[in-house]
Amino acid sequence: MEYINKTYMESQEAKPTTAIIPIGSFEQHGPHLPVNTDNYQIEAVADKVAETLGAFLLPVQPITTCYEHDGKRGSLHFTPDMFFNILVSLAEGLYRQGYKKIVVLVGHGGIFITRSAVRHLNTTYRDLQVAAIDYYAQVEESEMEHSGESETSRMLYHHKELVNMDKAVDYVPDAPRSFLTYGSIFTHSPTGVWGNAKQGTVEMGKLLFDETVKGMVQTIQKAFEK
């Protein structure tokens, strides 16, 4: 549920047992999508997941780590150790308030430090369960993209008014996506697009949204069933 517009007393009365920390990224998304794309996507999913589970939902953490998008204005990131500490501090604050189950919904593919932070929390606090649920967990490496068909479709579904399809381009670099670990996306794509953006549709966006929410809810329930 959405609690940021409620008083602390209303949150206490509801007594949710699970808290959700959605994390996105503030980065370039080609010539047709806004730099806040990842945050819009994970916000929509997190809101629905929290509603389904009756969980306490934090605002999206908008700036995380996105080194691979350096080179253009509008892409900002923390260092991995700094974001590690931010994530751990948020979780520890929730733990002190009585939450024993915390879900980190990861809305950007380049936040590799998340797993380390979750492992640290689960090891440090034995009566705390923390799970990192990846937005892209079900996507094969060969199908991974950035600002391509799926992201464009999601944004057309969530915020069609922010998508400029007249500027959408199709571009699939001749390199595996793992190469983004070694440097900027602009080494491989002049526009910052990795995929076929022109194929995006509202209908596909709704389908992807529904499937993502369903998959995340099932994964969370599975992670916390013991």
Protein backbone atom coordinates (compact mmCIF):
# COMPACT_ATOMS: atom_id res chain seq x y z
CA MET A 1 0.00 0.00 0.00
CA GLU A 2 1.01 3.62 -0.49
CA TYR A 3 1.94 5.15 2.87
CA ILE A 4 3.82 8.31 1.95
CA ASN A 5 0.59 10.34 2.00
CA LYS A 6 -0.58 8.87 5.31
CA THR A 7 0.33 9.89 8.86
CA TYR A 8 2.64 7.75 10.96
CA MET A 9 -0.33 6.83 13.14
CA GLU A 10 -2.21 5.41 10.15
CA SER A 11 0.85 3.35 9.24
CA GLN A 12 1.10 2.02 12.78
CA GLU A 13 -2.58 1.08 12.82
CA ALA A 14 -2.28 -0.84 9.54
CA LYS A 15 0.66 -2.83 10.94
CA PRO A 16 2.16 -4.11 7.65
CA THR A 17 4.80 -6.79 8.22
CA THR A 18 6.65 -6.39 4.91
CA ALA A 19 8.41 -3.30 3.56
CA ILE A 20 9.36 -2.66 -0.04
CA ILE A 21 12.30 -0.55 -1.21
CA PRO A 22 12.04 0.10 -4.96
CA ILE A 23 15.27 1.22 -6.61
CA GLY A 24 15.62 2.62 -10.12
CA SER A 25 18.15 4.74 -11.96
CA PHE A 26 18.50 8.22 -13.41
CA GLU A 27 20.09 7.72 -16.82
CA GLN A 28 19.84 8.34 -20.54
CA HIS A 29 17.26 6.31 -22.44
CA GLY A 30 17.98 7.25 -26.01
CA PRO A 31 16.40 10.09 -28.00
CA HIS A 32 12.78 9.09 -27.33
CA LEU A 33 12.48 8.24 -23.61
CA PRO A 34 13.00 10.42 -20.50
CA VAL A 35 15.98 9.98 -18.19
CA ASN A 36 13.55 9.02 -15.40
CA THR A 37 12.30 5.96 -17.32
CA ASP A 38 13.61 3.31 -14.91
CA ASN A 39 12.09 5.12 -11.95
CA TYR A 40 8.68 5.43 -13.61
CA GLN A 41 8.68 1.72 -14.46
CA ILE A 42 9.68 0.39 -11.06
CA GLU A 43 7.35 2.84 -9.30
CA ALA A 44 4.34 1.48 -11.19
CA VAL A 45 5.30 -2.13 -10.52
CA ALA A 46 6.18 -1.54 -6.86
CA ASP A 47 2.86 0.21 -6.21
CA LYS A 48 0.90 -2.75 -7.55
CA VAL A 49 3.09 -5.33 -5.78
CA ALA A 50 2.75 -3.48 -2.47
CA GLU A 51 -1.02 -3.25 -2.90
CA THR A 52 -1.24 -6.97 -3.60
CA LEU A 53 0.89 -7.92 -0.59
CA GLY A 54 -0.37 -5.22 1.80
CA ALA A 55 3.22 -4.03 2.22
CA PHE A 56 4.69 -0.72 3.35
CA LEU A 57 6.05 0.99 0.24
CA LEU A 58 8.94 3.44 0.32
CA PRO A 59 9.42 6.04 -2.41
CA VAL A 60 11.64 4.96 -5.31
CA GLN A 61 15.34 5.49 -4.71
CA PRO A 62 16.00 7.34 -7.99
CA ILE A 63 19.80 7.57 -8.17
CA THR A 64 21.79 4.35 -7.82
CA THR A 65 24.65 3.09 -10.03
CA CYS A 66 24.74 3.41 -13.83
CA TYR A 67 28.38 3.76 -14.88
CA GLU A 68 27.60 2.29 -18.29
CA HIS A 69 25.67 5.43 -19.25
CA ASP A 70 28.43 7.92 -18.59
CA GLY A 71 29.03 10.22 -21.52
CA LYS A 72 25.78 12.15 -21.78
CA ARG A 73 24.06 14.70 -19.57
CA GLY A 74 21.22 13.37 -17.46
CA SER A 75 22.94 10.20 -16.20
CA LEU A 76 23.92 10.39 -12.54
CA HIS A 77 25.11 7.71 -10.13
CA PHE A 78 26.57 6.98 -6.73
CA THR A 79 29.70 4.91 -6.26
CA PRO A 80 28.87 1.27 -5.44
CA ASP A 81 30.15 1.54 -1.85
CA MET A 82 28.07 4.67 -1.27
CA PHE A 83 24.89 3.03 -2.55
CA PHE A 84 25.68 -0.11 -0.53
CA ASN A 85 25.63 2.04 2.62
CA ILE A 86 22.44 3.84 1.57
CA LEU A 87 20.60 0.57 1.01
CA VAL A 88 21.86 -0.98 4.24
CA SER A 89 20.92 2.16 6.21
CA LEU A 90 17.37 2.14 4.82
CA ALA A 91 16.93 -1.53 5.66
CA GLU A 92 18.34 -1.08 9.16
CA GLY A 93 15.92 1.80 9.76
CA LEU A 94 13.00 -0.41 8.73
CA TYR A 95 14.31 -3.22 10.92
CA ARG A 96 14.40 -0.90 13.95
CA GLN A 97 10.77 -0.05 13.27
CA GLY A 98 9.81 -3.71 13.52
CA TYR A 99 9.86 -4.89 9.91
CA LYS A 100 11.25 -8.41 9.63
CA LYS A 101 10.69 -8.85 5.89
CA ILE A 102 12.15 -6.37 3.42
CA VAL A 103 11.95 -6.56 -0.36
CA VAL A 104 14.36 -4.64 -2.58
CA LEU A 105 12.73 -4.28 -6.00
CA VAL A 106 15.57 -3.73 -8.46
CA GLY A 107 14.46 -1.67 -11.47
CA HIS A 108 17.79 -1.23 -13.25
CA GLY A 109 20.06 -3.93 -14.62
CA GLY A 110 23.35 -2.31 -13.55
CA ILE A 111 22.95 -2.18 -9.74
CA PHE A 112 25.26 -5.10 -9.00
CA ILE A 113 26.00 -4.02 -5.42
CA THR A 114 22.42 -4.81 -4.34
CA ARG A 115 23.12 -8.53 -3.88
CA SER A 116 26.08 -7.80 -1.63
CA ALA A 117 24.00 -5.47 0.53
CA VAL A 118 21.19 -8.02 0.86
CA ARG A 119 23.62 -10.80 1.77
CA HIS A 120 25.22 -8.53 4.38
CA LEU A 121 21.85 -7.73 5.96
CA ASN A 122 20.70 -11.36 6.09
CA THR A 123 23.99 -12.40 7.66
CA THR A 124 24.08 -9.56 10.19
CA TYR A 125 20.45 -9.75 11.35
CA ARG A 126 19.41 -13.37 11.81
CA ASP A 127 15.75 -12.55 12.47
CA LEU A 128 15.49 -10.41 9.36
CA GLN A 129 14.61 -11.63 5.85
CA VAL A 130 15.72 -9.46 2.95
CA ALA A 131 15.15 -10.41 -0.67
CA ALA A 132 16.34 -8.68 -3.84
CA ILE A 133 13.82 -9.19 -6.65
CA ASP A 134 15.15 -8.20 -10.05
CA TYR A 135 12.85 -6.53 -12.57
CA TYR A 136 14.72 -8.31 -15.36
CA ALA A 137 15.22 -11.69 -13.67
CA GLN A 138 13.26 -13.63 -16.28
CA VAL A 139 14.95 -12.05 -19.30
CA GLU A 140 17.60 -14.02 -21.14
CA GLU A 141 20.98 -12.38 -21.80
CA SER A 142 20.32 -12.54 -25.54
CA GLU A 143 17.04 -10.64 -25.07
CA MET A 144 18.31 -7.91 -22.78
CA GLU A 145 17.87 -4.39 -24.06
CA HIS A 146 17.96 -0.72 -23.12
CA SER A 147 15.32 1.66 -24.46
CA GLY A 148 14.24 -1.02 -26.94
CA GLU A 149 10.89 -2.66 -27.55
CA SER A 150 10.02 -3.65 -23.98
CA GLU A 151 11.07 -0.42 -22.24
CA THR A 152 9.42 1.68 -24.91
CA SER A 153 6.25 -0.41 -24.58
CA ARG A 154 6.23 -0.07 -20.80
CA MET A 155 6.61 3.69 -21.01
CA LEU A 156 3.90 3.93 -23.67
CA TYR A 157 1.61 2.12 -21.22
CA HIS A 158 2.60 4.09 -18.10
CA HIS A 159 3.37 7.55 -19.52
CA LYS A 160 2.58 7.76 -23.20
CA GLU A 161 2.77 11.54 -23.04
CA LEU A 162 6.51 11.33 -22.26
CA VAL A 163 7.42 9.09 -25.21
CA ASN A 164 8.48 10.63 -28.53
CA MET A 165 8.04 7.80 -31.01
CA ASP A 166 9.03 10.12 -33.87
CA LYS A 167 12.58 9.98 -32.50
CA ALA A 168 12.62 6.25 -31.69
CA VAL A 169 15.39 4.23 -33.35
CA ASP A 170 16.19 0.55 -33.75
CA TYR A 171 19.76 -0.37 -32.94
CA VAL A 172 21.14 -3.73 -31.81
CA PRO A 173 24.92 -3.54 -31.27
CA ASP A 174 27.17 -6.32 -32.45
CA ALA A 175 28.26 -7.14 -28.90
CA PRO A 176 26.91 -9.04 -25.88
CA ARG A 177 25.29 -6.87 -23.24
CA SER A 178 27.89 -8.04 -20.74
CA PHE A 179 30.32 -5.68 -22.48
CA LEU A 180 28.60 -2.81 -20.65
CA THR A 181 30.58 -3.94 -17.60
CA TYR A 182 33.73 -2.80 -19.41
CA GLY A 183 32.67 0.68 -20.44
CA SER A 184 30.04 3.07 -21.77
CA ILE A 185 27.05 1.99 -23.83
CA PHE A 186 28.06 4.68 -26.31
CA THR A 187 31.06 2.57 -27.26
CA HIS A 188 28.59 0.22 -28.93
CA SER A 189 25.53 2.40 -29.63
CA PRO A 190 25.78 6.02 -30.82
CA THR A 191 22.24 6.82 -29.63
CA GLY A 192 22.32 4.89 -26.33
CA VAL A 193 19.61 2.50 -27.56
CA TRP A 194 20.10 -1.26 -27.33
CA GLY A 195 17.12 -2.86 -29.07
CA ASN A 196 14.21 -2.16 -31.41
CA ALA A 197 12.42 0.85 -29.98
CA LYS A 198 10.16 1.38 -32.99
CA GLN A 199 8.38 -1.89 -32.24
CA GLY A 200 7.09 -0.71 -28.87
CA THR A 201 3.31 -0.66 -28.30
CA VAL A 202 0.91 0.20 -25.50
CA GLU A 203 -0.57 -3.30 -25.68
CA MET A 204 2.84 -4.90 -25.20
CA GLY A 205 3.50 -2.55 -22.29
CA LYS A 206 0.35 -3.65 -20.47
CA LEU A 207 1.15 -7.31 -21.04
CA LEU A 208 4.69 -6.88 -19.72
CA PHE A 209 3.46 -4.91 -16.70
CA ASP A 210 0.89 -7.56 -15.73
CA GLU A 211 3.40 -10.39 -16.17
CA THR A 212 6.07 -8.55 -14.19
CA VAL A 213 3.77 -7.85 -11.24
CA LYS A 214 2.53 -11.43 -11.17
CA GLY A 215 6.06 -12.83 -11.35
CA MET A 216 7.38 -10.53 -8.64
CA VAL A 217 4.54 -11.32 -6.23
CA GLN A 218 5.09 -15.05 -6.71
CA THR A 219 8.84 -14.71 -6.22
CA ILE A 220 8.42 -12.67 -3.05
CA GLN A 221 5.96 -15.13 -1.57
CA LYS A 222 8.34 -17.97 -2.40
CA ALA A 223 11.31 -16.17 -0.86
CA PHE A 224 9.47 -15.57 2.41
CA GLU A 225 7.53 -18.82 2.74
CA LYS A 226 9.77 -20.12 5.53
